[in-house]
């Protein structure tokens, strides 16, 4: 298992998501700006492996897939 410092020094740094202005931002630990911004009307988002589960303002769920590089998102696949 890699240490936190190793993740920060390598291109495969862990990704995470945040919701800002009702849109989801895919971010990496070693990058200052969002890698991808997607979705509209988002209230919460959770990154689970290579899948992002987003709860929308209308109560529906949208599921997005992160590509293998972790640099872009496709979807939504299920609403």
Protein backbone atom coordinates (compact mmCIF):
# COMPACT_ATOMS: atom_id res chain seq x y z
CA UNK A 1 0.00 0.00 0.00
CA UNK A 2 1.27 3.48 -0.90
CA UNK A 3 1.83 6.14 1.69
CA UNK A 4 0.09 9.50 1.48
CA UNK A 5 3.35 11.14 0.35
CA UNK A 6 3.74 8.61 -2.46
CA UNK A 7 0.24 9.42 -3.74
CA UNK A 8 1.03 13.12 -3.80
CA UNK A 9 4.20 12.52 -5.81
CA UNK A 10 2.62 10.27 -8.45
CA UNK A 11 0.13 10.92 -11.23
CA UNK A 12 -2.33 8.40 -9.77
CA UNK A 13 -3.11 10.61 -6.77
CA UNK A 14 -6.51 9.82 -5.28
CA UNK A 15 -9.56 11.55 -6.71
CA UNK A 16 -12.45 13.06 -4.82
CA UNK A 17 -15.62 15.00 -5.64
CA UNK A 18 -17.15 18.18 -4.27
CA UNK A 19 -20.43 19.94 -5.05
CA UNK A 20 -20.14 23.66 -5.82
CA UNK A 21 -22.87 25.86 -7.29
CA UNK A 22 -25.09 22.79 -7.88
CA UNK A 23 -22.44 21.15 -10.07
CA UNK A 24 -20.05 18.30 -9.27
CA UNK A 25 -16.29 18.79 -9.50
CA UNK A 26 -13.95 15.83 -9.92
CA UNK A 27 -10.65 16.73 -8.27
CA UNK A 28 -7.27 15.11 -7.65
CA UNK A 29 -5.14 15.60 -4.56
CA UNK A 30 -2.18 16.90 -6.58
CA UNK A 31 -4.10 19.30 -8.87
CA UNK A 32 -5.32 22.73 -7.79
CA UNK A 33 -8.26 23.08 -10.16
CA UNK A 34 -11.08 20.63 -11.00
CA UNK A 35 -10.19 17.87 -13.46
CA UNK A 36 -13.82 17.75 -14.65
CA UNK A 37 -17.04 19.60 -13.83
CA UNK A 38 -20.35 17.90 -14.60
CA UNK A 39 -24.01 17.51 -13.66
CA UNK A 40 -26.54 20.20 -12.84
CA UNK A 41 -28.81 20.50 -9.84
CA UNK A 42 -26.55 18.41 -7.61
CA UNK A 43 -26.92 18.47 -3.83
CA UNK A 44 -24.52 15.66 -2.84
CA UNK A 45 -21.95 13.51 -4.62
CA UNK A 46 -20.00 10.44 -3.54
CA UNK A 47 -17.08 8.86 -5.39
CA UNK A 48 -17.20 5.06 -5.15
CA UNK A 49 -14.27 3.58 -7.03
CA UNK A 50 -14.72 4.75 -10.63
CA UNK A 51 -18.38 5.68 -10.14
CA UNK A 52 -19.83 8.99 -8.95
CA UNK A 53 -23.28 8.81 -7.36
CA UNK A 54 -25.02 12.20 -7.40
CA UNK A 55 -28.22 13.15 -5.60
CA UNK A 56 -30.10 15.87 -7.45
CA UNK A 57 -32.33 18.65 -6.06
CA UNK A 58 -35.41 16.86 -7.38
CA UNK A 59 -34.52 13.76 -5.32
CA UNK A 60 -33.38 11.63 -8.26
CA UNK A 61 -30.05 9.83 -8.43
CA UNK A 62 -27.61 10.25 -11.33
CA UNK A 63 -24.66 7.90 -11.82
CA UNK A 64 -21.52 8.91 -13.70
CA UNK A 65 -18.46 6.85 -14.65
CA UNK A 66 -14.90 8.12 -14.35
CA UNK A 67 -12.56 7.04 -17.15
CA UNK A 68 -9.50 4.87 -16.46
CA UNK A 69 -7.17 7.89 -16.29
CA UNK A 70 -9.43 9.68 -13.83
CA UNK A 71 -9.48 12.74 -16.07
CA UNK A 72 -13.02 12.78 -17.48
CA UNK A 73 -16.54 11.64 -16.65
CA UNK A 74 -19.29 10.12 -18.79
CA UNK A 75 -22.97 9.82 -18.06
CA UNK A 76 -25.43 10.08 -16.44
CA UNK A 77 -26.22 6.40 -16.91
CA UNK A 78 -29.11 5.85 -14.51
CA UNK A 79 -31.62 8.41 -13.37
